[in-house]
Amino acid sequence: MYNIEELIKENPILDKVKNLEPTVWINPDRKTGDEAWDNVEFTIDDIKEADQRFRKFAPLMIKLFGEEFPELYESKGILESPLVRLENLEKKYRQEKDFKGKLYLKMDSHLPVVGSIKARGGLYEVLVFAEILAKENNLLDENRDYSQFADEDFRNLFSKYTIQVASTGNLGISVGVMASALGFNAIVHMSNDAKDWKKKHLRDRGATVIEYDGDFSTAITKARELSLQDEFSYFVDDEDSTTLFKGYSVAALRTKEQIEKMGIKVDKDHPIFLYAPCGVGGSSGGVSFGFRRVLGDNVHAFFVETTHIPSFLIGASTKLHSNISVYDLGIDGKTEADGLSVARPSKFSGHTMESLLSGVITIEDYTLFETLRELNDLEDIRIEPSSTSSIVASESLFNYEQVKEYLEKYDLLDKLDNVTHICWATGGNLVPKEIMDNYLKK
């Protein structure tokens, strides 16, 4: 056990965190070169394997979802999101906030089928499980493409199994939609901060939604217990799944291609600053790990949390990871950023990112809606409020003295004009218009 007062003495940043002050924690254990990978179990081959599996399943994506999402025909069944430059917002920040560098948005908010960063991980884990079952039951015809997974004999097999997941929203949609489309019984356990429209979306897609009065920790604990009681149940574990993590990491390969096509330089004089909204740390960790593997040490990855639920910052800075909660510091855990509303971080992601992550920045809830309006007015882009946290981070990160020390450490102070800021939009395209209109009025 630990004593909170002692922890705060050892980690002075926790005093600011406890008092709900926006702040930034710089990771003292970030490594470069081969040393960065000494204790990381994943390799570039893991990313490539996940990418190849997605490509094998591309014909199935077209068959299942092409009618509703015709863009899948153009992409040949590959789910990928645009990388766009926010020129108008960038100009505003230059004028008002002395912003330096170029501002980009990676729009996972507009991914086909599920519209969030969780697509790559959630869909991938369901597809991996389906492939395992098909091989075990000798259903795969090697002379046909993977659209065969939509055939009746596959659906009959899958209907005997249940896939369960706990979620604050977007992972539930990703897993639930894919599992239901294949014929699995999909059960999504949703915490009290999950939005009603997300529950409705899942039910409309054939998934069963179980609601809890408690937070994400309550939902995932109950979900694990129920899944263990059923020998034909498969549990997608947001806190501890290596399969989810590999699926998320594929984003780095795809973004690298986009970066190259757009002529964006990446080297020691032209660094990338990556901003990933963080809940439990799985998707943000998978994406950031992928970027470090694919693009190297010139990537500086920051997780973004809100002041009322800075779980990853607390876990990483104390190295207690999942053994400490925001509630232990007397923080209420209430935030408008429902996608980030997880009080206890992933131990697995925390350990994996120990040598790769640059730091964690926290922001205030009201900035989410201010930025959402700016993005809507200046760029005609609408995303979930929690997604805008990455943009807030990009324009506020360099205001902190400890970040200036970080820039000096990595010889970046004179290269700020060359920085490519990539802000991750983690969700939003599926938000009903009336809900989005209400967000824009907040």
Protein backbone atom coordinates (compact mmCIF):
# COMPACT_ATOMS: atom_id res chain seq x y z
CA MET A 1 0.00 0.00 0.00
CA TYR A 2 0.96 3.62 -0.27
CA ASN A 3 0.41 6.82 1.64
CA ILE A 4 -1.07 9.63 -0.46
CA GLU A 5 0.73 12.39 1.42
CA GLU A 6 4.05 10.59 0.93
CA LEU A 7 3.30 10.12 -2.76
CA ILE A 8 2.64 13.84 -3.15
CA LYS A 9 5.94 14.65 -1.40
CA GLU A 10 7.76 12.34 -3.79
CA ASN A 11 5.81 13.61 -6.82
CA PRO A 12 5.10 17.34 -6.34
CA ILE A 13 3.07 17.43 -9.58
CA LEU A 14 0.37 15.45 -7.76
CA ASP A 15 -0.35 18.50 -5.63
CA LYS A 16 -1.41 20.39 -8.77
CA VAL A 17 -3.29 17.34 -10.02
CA LYS A 18 -5.12 16.99 -6.73
CA ASN A 19 -6.13 20.66 -6.89
CA LEU A 20 -7.47 20.21 -10.46
CA GLU A 21 -4.89 22.56 -11.97
CA PRO A 22 -4.04 22.06 -15.65
CA THR A 23 -0.48 20.81 -15.81
CA VAL A 24 1.98 18.65 -17.68
CA TRP A 25 4.05 15.71 -16.52
CA ILE A 26 7.26 15.02 -18.43
CA ASN A 27 8.31 11.38 -18.46
CA PRO A 28 11.85 11.14 -17.02
CA ASP A 29 12.21 7.60 -18.37
CA ARG A 30 11.72 8.33 -22.07
CA LYS A 31 14.47 6.61 -24.03
CA THR A 32 15.80 6.85 -27.57
CA GLY A 33 17.58 4.45 -29.90
CA ASP A 34 17.72 0.74 -29.15
CA GLU A 35 17.44 1.46 -25.42
CA ALA A 36 13.83 2.58 -25.89
CA TRP A 37 12.84 -0.97 -26.86
CA ASP A 38 14.65 -3.00 -24.20
CA ASN A 39 11.47 -3.74 -22.24
CA VAL A 40 8.85 -3.47 -25.02
CA GLU A 41 7.49 -6.82 -26.16
CA PHE A 42 6.01 -5.59 -29.46
CA THR A 43 7.90 -5.24 -32.73
CA ILE A 44 7.35 -3.79 -36.17
CA ASP A 45 6.37 -7.30 -37.27
CA ASP A 46 3.37 -7.17 -34.92
CA ILE A 47 2.18 -3.99 -36.64
CA LYS A 48 2.70 -5.46 -40.11
CA GLU A 49 0.90 -8.68 -39.16
CA ALA A 50 -2.13 -6.71 -37.98
CA ASP A 51 -2.09 -4.62 -41.15
CA GLN A 52 -1.99 -7.75 -43.34
CA ARG A 53 -4.89 -9.32 -41.43
CA PHE A 54 -6.96 -6.18 -41.97
CA ARG A 55 -6.18 -6.44 -45.68
CA LYS A 56 -7.33 -10.06 -45.78
CA PHE A 57 -10.62 -9.04 -44.19
CA ALA A 58 -11.12 -6.05 -46.52
CA PRO A 59 -13.53 -7.91 -48.85
CA LEU A 60 -15.64 -8.81 -45.81
CA MET A 61 -15.83 -5.15 -44.77
CA ILE A 62 -17.20 -4.28 -48.21
CA LYS A 63 -19.70 -7.12 -48.11
CA LEU A 64 -20.98 -6.28 -44.61
CA PHE A 65 -20.86 -2.49 -44.65
CA GLY A 66 -20.32 -1.31 -48.24
CA GLU A 67 -23.94 -0.44 -48.89
CA GLU A 68 -24.09 1.88 -45.89
CA PHE A 69 -20.53 3.17 -46.27
CA PRO A 70 -19.82 3.38 -50.03
CA GLU A 71 -16.40 4.90 -49.34
CA LEU A 72 -15.28 1.34 -48.53
CA TYR A 73 -15.47 0.53 -52.25
CA GLU A 74 -13.05 3.33 -52.99
CA SER A 75 -10.66 2.23 -50.23
CA LYS A 76 -11.05 -1.44 -51.26
CA GLY A 77 -12.32 -2.35 -47.81
CA ILE A 78 -9.54 -0.70 -45.79
CA LEU A 79 -10.82 1.47 -42.95
CA GLU A 80 -8.69 4.58 -42.77
CA SER A 81 -9.19 8.22 -41.85
CA PRO A 82 -7.95 11.46 -43.44
CA LEU A 83 -5.02 13.49 -42.18
CA VAL A 84 -5.90 17.15 -42.74
CA ARG A 85 -4.15 20.42 -42.07
CA LEU A 86 -6.14 22.86 -39.93
CA GLU A 87 -4.89 25.97 -41.71
CA ASN A 88 -7.53 28.39 -40.44
CA LEU A 89 -7.26 27.27 -36.83
CA GLU A 90 -3.49 27.30 -37.12
CA LYS A 91 -3.61 30.89 -38.38
CA LYS A 92 -5.85 31.91 -35.46
CA TYR A 93 -3.48 30.29 -32.95
CA ARG A 94 -0.49 32.01 -34.55
CA GLN A 95 -2.16 35.38 -34.16
CA GLU A 96 -3.53 34.89 -30.67
CA LYS A 97 -1.27 32.37 -28.95
CA ASP A 98 2.15 32.60 -30.64
CA PHE A 99 1.63 29.10 -32.04
CA LYS A 100 4.55 27.62 -33.95
CA GLY A 101 4.65 24.74 -36.40
CA LYS A 102 1.94 23.19 -38.56
CA LEU A 103 -1.34 21.89 -37.17
CA TYR A 104 -2.89 18.63 -38.43
CA LEU A 105 -5.91 16.57 -37.42
CA LYS A 106 -5.95 12.79 -37.81
CA MET A 107 -9.66 12.24 -38.28
CA ASP A 108 -10.41 8.85 -36.76
CA SER A 109 -13.64 10.64 -35.90
CA HIS A 110 -14.62 9.96 -39.51
CA LEU A 111 -13.54 6.34 -39.90
CA PRO A 112 -16.18 4.31 -41.74
CA VAL A 113 -18.45 1.90 -39.82
CA VAL A 114 -17.69 2.96 -36.23
CA GLY A 115 -16.29 6.50 -36.43
CA SER A 116 -13.64 6.40 -33.70
CA ILE A 117 -10.05 5.52 -32.85
CA LYS A 118 -11.42 2.31 -31.32
CA ALA A 119 -12.22 0.93 -34.79
CA ARG A 120 -8.81 -0.55 -35.48
CA GLY A 121 -8.51 -2.23 -32.09
CA GLY A 122 -12.09 -3.34 -31.53
CA LEU A 123 -12.74 -4.61 -35.04
CA TYR A 124 -9.34 -6.28 -35.12
CA GLU A 125 -9.89 -8.29 -31.95
CA VAL A 126 -13.30 -9.52 -33.13
CA LEU A 127 -11.83 -10.49 -36.51
CA VAL A 128 -8.93 -12.34 -34.89
CA PHE A 129 -11.34 -14.35 -32.74
CA ALA A 130 -13.56 -15.10 -35.74
CA GLU A 131 -10.56 -16.31 -37.74
CA ILE A 132 -9.44 -18.59 -34.91
CA LEU A 133 -12.91 -20.16 -34.66
CA ALA A 134 -13.15 -20.61 -38.44
CA LYS A 135 -9.79 -22.40 -38.59
CA GLU A 136 -10.55 -24.58 -35.57
CA ASN A 137 -13.81 -25.66 -37.22
CA ASN A 138 -12.29 -26.18 -40.69
CA LEU A 139 -14.59 -23.65 -42.33
CA LEU A 140 -12.00 -21.59 -44.20
CA ASP A 141 -11.79 -22.19 -47.94
CA GLU A 142 -8.26 -21.15 -48.96
CA ASN A 143 -9.42 -20.65 -52.55
CA ARG A 144 -11.84 -17.84 -51.59
CA ASP A 145 -11.37 -14.38 -50.12
CA TYR A 146 -12.46 -13.53 -46.58
CA SER A 147 -15.89 -12.31 -47.62
CA GLN A 148 -16.78 -15.97 -46.93
CA PHE A 149 -17.00 -14.99 -43.24
CA ALA A 150 -20.45 -13.58 -44.02
CA ASP A 151 -21.67 -17.00 -45.23
CA GLU A 152 -24.43 -18.83 -43.37
CA ASP A 153 -22.22 -21.65 -42.06
CA PHE A 154 -19.89 -19.08 -40.47
CA ARG A 155 -22.84 -17.20 -38.95
CA ASN A 156 -24.24 -20.45 -37.56
CA LEU A 157 -20.93 -21.13 -35.86
CA PHE A 158 -20.52 -17.60 -34.50
CA SER A 159 -24.08 -17.56 -33.16
CA LYS A 160 -23.01 -20.13 -30.55
CA TYR A 161 -20.55 -17.63 -29.06
CA THR A 162 -20.87 -14.38 -27.12
CA ILE A 163 -18.39 -11.53 -27.32
CA GLN A 164 -18.43 -9.19 -24.33
CA VAL A 165 -16.72 -5.87 -23.66
CA ALA A 166 -16.87 -3.06 -21.10
CA SER A 167 -16.80 0.49 -22.40
CA THR A 168 -17.53 4.16 -21.83
CA GLY A 169 -18.79 4.22 -25.41
CA ASN A 170 -16.57 3.99 -28.46
CA LEU A 171 -14.86 0.65 -27.86
CA GLY A 172 -18.29 -0.79 -27.15
CA ILE A 173 -19.53 0.46 -30.51
CA SER A 174 -16.49 -0.93 -32.30
CA VAL A 175 -16.72 -4.39 -30.77
CA GLY A 176 -20.52 -4.53 -30.65
CA VAL A 177 -21.09 -3.50 -34.26
CA MET A 178 -18.49 -5.90 -35.67
CA ALA A 179 -19.53 -8.84 -33.49
CA SER A 180 -23.22 -8.38 -34.29
CA ALA A 181 -22.55 -8.06 -38.02
CA LEU A 182 -20.76 -11.43 -38.01
CA GLY A 183 -23.55 -13.15 -36.08
CA PHE A 184 -22.03 -13.28 -32.61
CA ASN A 185 -24.10 -12.47 -29.55
CA ALA A 186 -22.64 -9.09 -28.60
CA ILE A 187 -22.92 -7.79 -25.04
CA VAL A 188 -21.61 -4.34 -24.17
CA HIS A 189 -21.31 -3.40 -20.49
CA MET A 190 -21.51 0.39 -20.24
CA SER A 191 -20.53 2.63 -17.34
CA ASN A 192 -22.66 5.47 -16.00
CA ASP A 193 -20.88 8.10 -18.12
CA ALA A 194 -21.70 6.43 -21.44
CA LYS A 195 -23.93 8.61 -23.62
CA ASP A 196 -27.50 7.49 -24.28
CA TRP A 197 -27.11 7.86 -28.04
CA LYS A 198 -24.23 5.38 -28.00
CA LYS A 199 -26.36 2.84 -26.15
CA LYS A 200 -29.15 3.33 -28.69
CA HIS A 201 -26.74 2.98 -31.61
CA LEU A 202 -25.55 -0.36 -30.25
CA ARG A 203 -29.05 -1.67 -29.63
CA ASP A 204 -30.08 -0.62 -33.12
CA ARG A 205 -27.18 -2.71 -34.44
CA GLY A 206 -28.29 -5.81 -32.57
CA ALA A 207 -26.05 -5.67 -29.52
CA THR A 208 -27.23 -6.15 -25.95
CA VAL A 209 -26.34 -3.22 -23.67
CA ILE A 210 -26.05 -3.70 -19.91
CA GLU A 211 -25.94 -0.44 -17.97
CA TYR A 212 -24.26 0.20 -14.61
CA ASP A 213 -24.66 2.92 -12.02
CA GLY A 214 -20.93 2.78 -11.37
CA ASP A 215 -17.93 3.94 -13.41
CA PHE A 216 -15.79 2.07 -15.94
CA SER A 217 -14.00 0.05 -13.25
CA THR A 218 -17.37 -1.26 -12.06
CA ALA A 219 -18.48 -2.14 -15.59
CA ILE A 220 -15.30 -3.96 -16.55
CA THR A 221 -15.17 -5.94 -13.29
CA LYS A 222 -18.77 -7.12 -13.72
CA ALA A 223 -18.21 -7.86 -17.39
CA ARG A 224 -15.19 -10.06 -16.66
CA GLU A 225 -17.13 -11.97 -14.02
CA LEU A 226 -20.07 -12.64 -16.32
CA SER A 227 -17.87 -13.65 -19.22
CA LEU A 228 -15.94 -16.14 -17.10
CA GLN A 229 -19.18 -17.88 -16.21
CA ASP A 230 -19.85 -18.77 -19.85
CA GLU A 231 -17.47 -21.17 -21.62
CA PHE A 232 -18.69 -19.85 -24.98
CA SER A 233 -18.00 -16.23 -24.06
CA TYR A 234 -15.00 -14.24 -25.27
CA PHE A 235 -14.03 -11.10 -23.34
CA VAL A 236 -12.37 -8.10 -25.00
CA ASP A 237 -10.30 -6.61 -22.18
CA ASP A 238 -9.72 -2.89 -22.66
CA GLU A 239 -7.23 -2.82 -19.78
CA ASP A 240 -5.04 -5.75 -20.79
CA SER A 241 -5.50 -6.81 -24.42
CA THR A 242 -2.40 -7.19 -26.58
CA THR A 243 -4.69 -7.87 -29.57
CA LEU A 244 -6.45 -4.51 -29.21
CA PHE A 245 -3.06 -2.85 -28.86
CA LYS A 246 -1.75 -4.37 -32.10
CA GLY A 247 -4.87 -3.32 -33.96
CA TYR A 248 -4.50 0.27 -32.78
CA SER A 249 -0.84 0.36 -33.80
CA VAL A 250 -1.68 -0.12 -37.50
CA ALA A 251 -2.65 3.57 -37.58
CA ALA A 252 1.05 4.45 -37.61
CA LEU A 253 1.78 2.58 -40.85
CA ARG A 254 -1.16 4.21 -42.58
CA THR A 255 -0.35 7.70 -41.27
CA LYS A 256 3.26 7.35 -42.39
CA GLU A 257 2.02 6.80 -45.94
CA GLN A 258 -0.17 9.91 -45.68
CA ILE A 259 2.72 11.95 -44.28
CA GLU A 260 4.95 10.92 -47.17
CA LYS A 261 2.29 11.69 -49.79
CA MET A 262 1.76 15.13 -48.25
CA GLY A 263 5.49 15.85 -48.39
CA ILE A 264 5.83 16.30 -44.63
CA LYS A 265 9.43 15.97 -43.47
CA VAL A 266 10.18 13.89 -40.38
CA ASP A 267 13.73 14.08 -39.04
CA LYS A 268 15.64 15.57 -36.11
CA ASP A 269 15.07 19.05 -37.50
CA HIS A 270 11.40 18.37 -38.32
CA PRO A 271 9.90 16.53 -35.32
CA ILE A 272 6.35 15.25 -34.90
CA PHE A 273 4.44 16.11 -31.74
CA LEU A 274 1.60 13.62 -31.35
CA TYR A 275 -1.37 14.33 -29.05
CA ALA A 276 -3.59 11.38 -28.13
CA PRO A 277 -6.65 11.70 -25.87
CA CYS A 278 -6.28 9.11 -23.14
CA GLY A 279 -8.79 7.06 -21.17
CA VAL A 280 -7.50 3.72 -19.95
CA GLY A 281 -4.48 4.18 -22.24
CA GLY A 282 -5.03 1.35 -24.71
CA SER A 283 -5.78 3.13 -27.97
CA SER A 284 -3.56 6.12 -27.16
CA GLY A 285 -0.79 3.68 -26.21
CA GLY A 286 -1.20 1.54 -29.31
CA VAL A 287 -1.12 4.53 -31.65
CA SER A 288 1.85 6.14 -29.87
CA PHE A 289 3.80 2.87 -29.73
CA GLY A 290 3.17 2.48 -33.47
CA PHE A 291 4.42 5.98 -34.22
CA ARG A 292 7.62 5.42 -32.25
CA ARG A 293 8.20 2.07 -34.01
CA VAL A 294 7.41 3.34 -37.50
CA LEU A 295 8.74 6.92 -37.39
CA GLY A 296 11.36 6.67 -34.64
CA ASP A 297 12.76 9.01 -32.01
CA ASN A 298 11.64 12.14 -33.84
CA VAL A 299 8.12 11.43 -32.58
CA HIS A 300 7.27 13.07 -29.26
CA ALA A 301 4.05 11.48 -27.98
CA PHE A 302 1.86 13.14 -25.36
CA PHE A 303 -1.32 11.74 -23.81
CA VAL A 304 -4.11 14.20 -23.03
CA GLU A 305 -6.49 14.00 -20.06
CA THR A 306 -8.90 16.36 -18.35
CA THR A 307 -8.19 17.78 -14.90
CA HIS A 308 -11.04 15.84 -13.30
CA ILE A 309 -9.83 12.40 -14.41
CA PRO A 310 -6.02 12.40 -14.93
CA SER A 311 -5.69 8.67 -14.29
CA PHE A 312 -2.78 7.89 -16.63
CA LEU A 313 -0.74 10.84 -15.35
CA ILE A 314 -1.20 9.66 -11.78
CA GLY A 315 -0.43 6.03 -12.60
CA ALA A 316 2.61 6.79 -14.74
CA SER A 317 4.17 9.46 -12.53
CA THR A 318 3.96 7.22 -9.44
CA LYS A 319 4.64 4.00 -11.41
CA LEU A 320 1.69 2.49 -9.58
CA HIS A 321 -0.28 2.31 -12.85
CA SER A 322 -3.56 0.45 -12.24
CA ASN A 323 -2.87 0.23 -8.50
CA ILE A 324 -3.94 3.83 -8.00
CA SER A 325 -7.13 5.69 -8.91
CA VAL A 326 -8.08 9.34 -9.25
CA TYR A 327 -10.46 8.77 -6.34
CA ASP A 328 -7.47 8.02 -4.10
CA LEU A 329 -6.45 11.68 -4.50
CA GLY A 330 -9.97 12.91 -3.79
CA ILE A 331 -10.65 13.76 -7.45
CA ASP A 332 -14.29 13.28 -8.49
CA GLY A 333 -13.66 11.75 -11.93
CA LYS A 334 -16.51 13.71 -13.52
CA THR A 335 -15.81 15.03 -17.00
CA GLU A 336 -17.68 16.00 -20.16
CA ALA A 337 -15.07 14.00 -22.07
CA ASP A 338 -16.87 10.67 -21.72
CA GLY A 339 -14.33 8.86 -23.91
CA LEU A 340 -11.63 9.70 -21.35
CA SER A 341 -13.71 8.88 -18.29
CA VAL A 342 -11.65 6.09 -16.76
CA ALA A 343 -10.52 6.48 -13.16
CA ARG A 344 -7.83 3.77 -13.19
CA PRO A 345 -5.32 3.38 -16.06
CA SER A 346 -4.17 0.21 -17.81
CA LYS A 347 -1.18 -1.40 -16.13
CA PHE A 348 -0.29 -3.08 -19.42
CA SER A 349 -0.25 0.17 -21.40
CA GLY A 350 1.52 2.00 -18.59
CA HIS A 351 4.39 -0.49 -18.55
CA THR A 352 4.60 -0.64 -22.34
CA MET A 353 4.82 3.15 -22.68
CA GLU A 354 7.34 3.71 -19.87
CA SER A 355 10.26 4.31 -22.25
CA LEU A 356 8.26 5.63 -25.22
CA LEU A 357 5.94 8.33 -23.89
CA SER A 358 7.08 11.95 -23.68
CA GLY A 359 4.50 13.01 -21.12
CA VAL A 360 0.89 13.68 -20.16
CA ILE A 361 -0.90 17.03 -20.26
CA THR A 362 -4.17 17.84 -18.51
CA ILE A 363 -6.71 20.41 -19.66
CA GLU A 364 -9.97 21.88 -18.36
CA ASP A 365 -13.36 20.73 -19.60
CA TYR A 366 -14.59 24.13 -20.77
CA THR A 367 -11.77 24.29 -23.34
CA LEU A 368 -13.24 21.24 -25.09
CA PHE A 369 -16.35 23.13 -26.13
CA GLU A 370 -14.52 26.35 -26.99
CA THR A 371 -12.29 24.37 -29.33
CA LEU A 372 -15.22 22.42 -30.76
CA ARG A 373 -16.84 25.70 -31.79
CA GLU A 374 -13.59 27.00 -33.29
CA LEU A 375 -13.17 23.80 -35.27
CA ASN A 376 -16.75 23.97 -36.49
CA ASP A 377 -16.62 27.65 -37.41
CA LEU A 378 -13.15 27.76 -38.96
CA GLU A 379 -12.73 24.28 -40.48
CA ASP A 380 -16.31 22.98 -40.81
CA ILE A 381 -15.32 19.87 -38.83
CA ARG A 382 -17.37 18.41 -35.99
CA ILE A 383 -15.96 15.85 -33.57
CA GLU A 384 -16.71 14.65 -30.05
CA PRO A 385 -15.75 17.07 -27.27
CA SER A 386 -13.24 14.59 -25.84
CA SER A 387 -11.52 14.56 -29.25
CA THR A 388 -10.85 18.28 -29.14
CA SER A 389 -8.62 17.74 -26.10
CA SER A 390 -5.77 16.89 -28.47
CA ILE A 391 -6.08 20.28 -30.19
CA VAL A 392 -6.20 22.10 -26.85
CA ALA A 393 -3.01 20.26 -25.88
CA SER A 394 -1.20 21.30 -29.07
CA GLU A 395 -1.72 25.02 -28.46
CA SER A 396 -1.06 24.94 -24.71
CA LEU A 397 1.76 22.40 -24.27
CA PHE A 398 4.66 24.75 -24.97
CA ASN A 399 3.47 27.26 -22.38
CA TYR A 400 4.83 25.09 -19.56
CA GLU A 401 8.31 25.64 -18.22
CA GLN A 402 8.99 21.91 -17.89
CA VAL A 403 8.20 21.50 -21.60
CA LYS A 404 10.78 24.18 -22.44
CA GLU A 405 13.29 22.12 -20.47
CA TYR A 406 12.21 19.06 -22.47
CA LEU A 407 12.73 20.96 -25.74
CA GLU A 408 16.16 22.04 -24.60
CA LYS A 409 17.07 18.46 -23.64
CA TYR A 410 16.24 17.21 -27.12
CA ASP A 411 17.72 20.24 -28.92
CA LEU A 412 14.35 21.41 -30.25
CA LEU A 413 14.13 25.02 -29.05
CA ASP A 414 15.25 26.42 -32.40
CA LYS A 415 13.12 23.99 -34.42
CA LEU A 416 9.62 24.88 -33.23
CA ASP A 417 8.66 26.41 -36.58
CA ASN A 418 9.35 23.00 -38.14
CA VAL A 419 7.16 20.97 -35.78
CA THR A 420 4.32 18.92 -37.25
CA HIS A 421 1.55 18.76 -34.65
CA ILE A 422 -0.72 15.74 -35.16
CA CYS A 423 -3.86 15.90 -33.03
CA TRP A 424 -5.89 12.70 -32.85
CA ALA A 425 -9.66 13.05 -33.28
CA THR A 426 -10.86 9.97 -31.47
CA GLY A 427 -14.59 10.10 -32.31
CA GLY A 428 -17.51 12.14 -33.48
CA ASN A 429 -18.89 11.28 -36.90
CA LEU A 430 -21.69 9.13 -35.45
CA VAL A 431 -22.91 11.78 -33.03
CA PRO A 432 -26.58 12.60 -33.84
CA LYS A 433 -27.07 16.12 -35.21
CA GLU A 434 -29.22 17.29 -32.29
CA ILE A 435 -26.56 16.13 -29.81
CA MET A 436 -23.80 17.85 -31.77
CA ASP A 437 -25.87 21.05 -31.92
CA ASN A 438 -26.14 20.95 -28.13
CA TYR A 439 -22.37 20.48 -27.81
CA LEU A 440 -21.81 23.55 -29.99
CA LYS A 441 -24.06 25.62 -27.71
CA LYS A 442 -22.28 24.66 -24.48
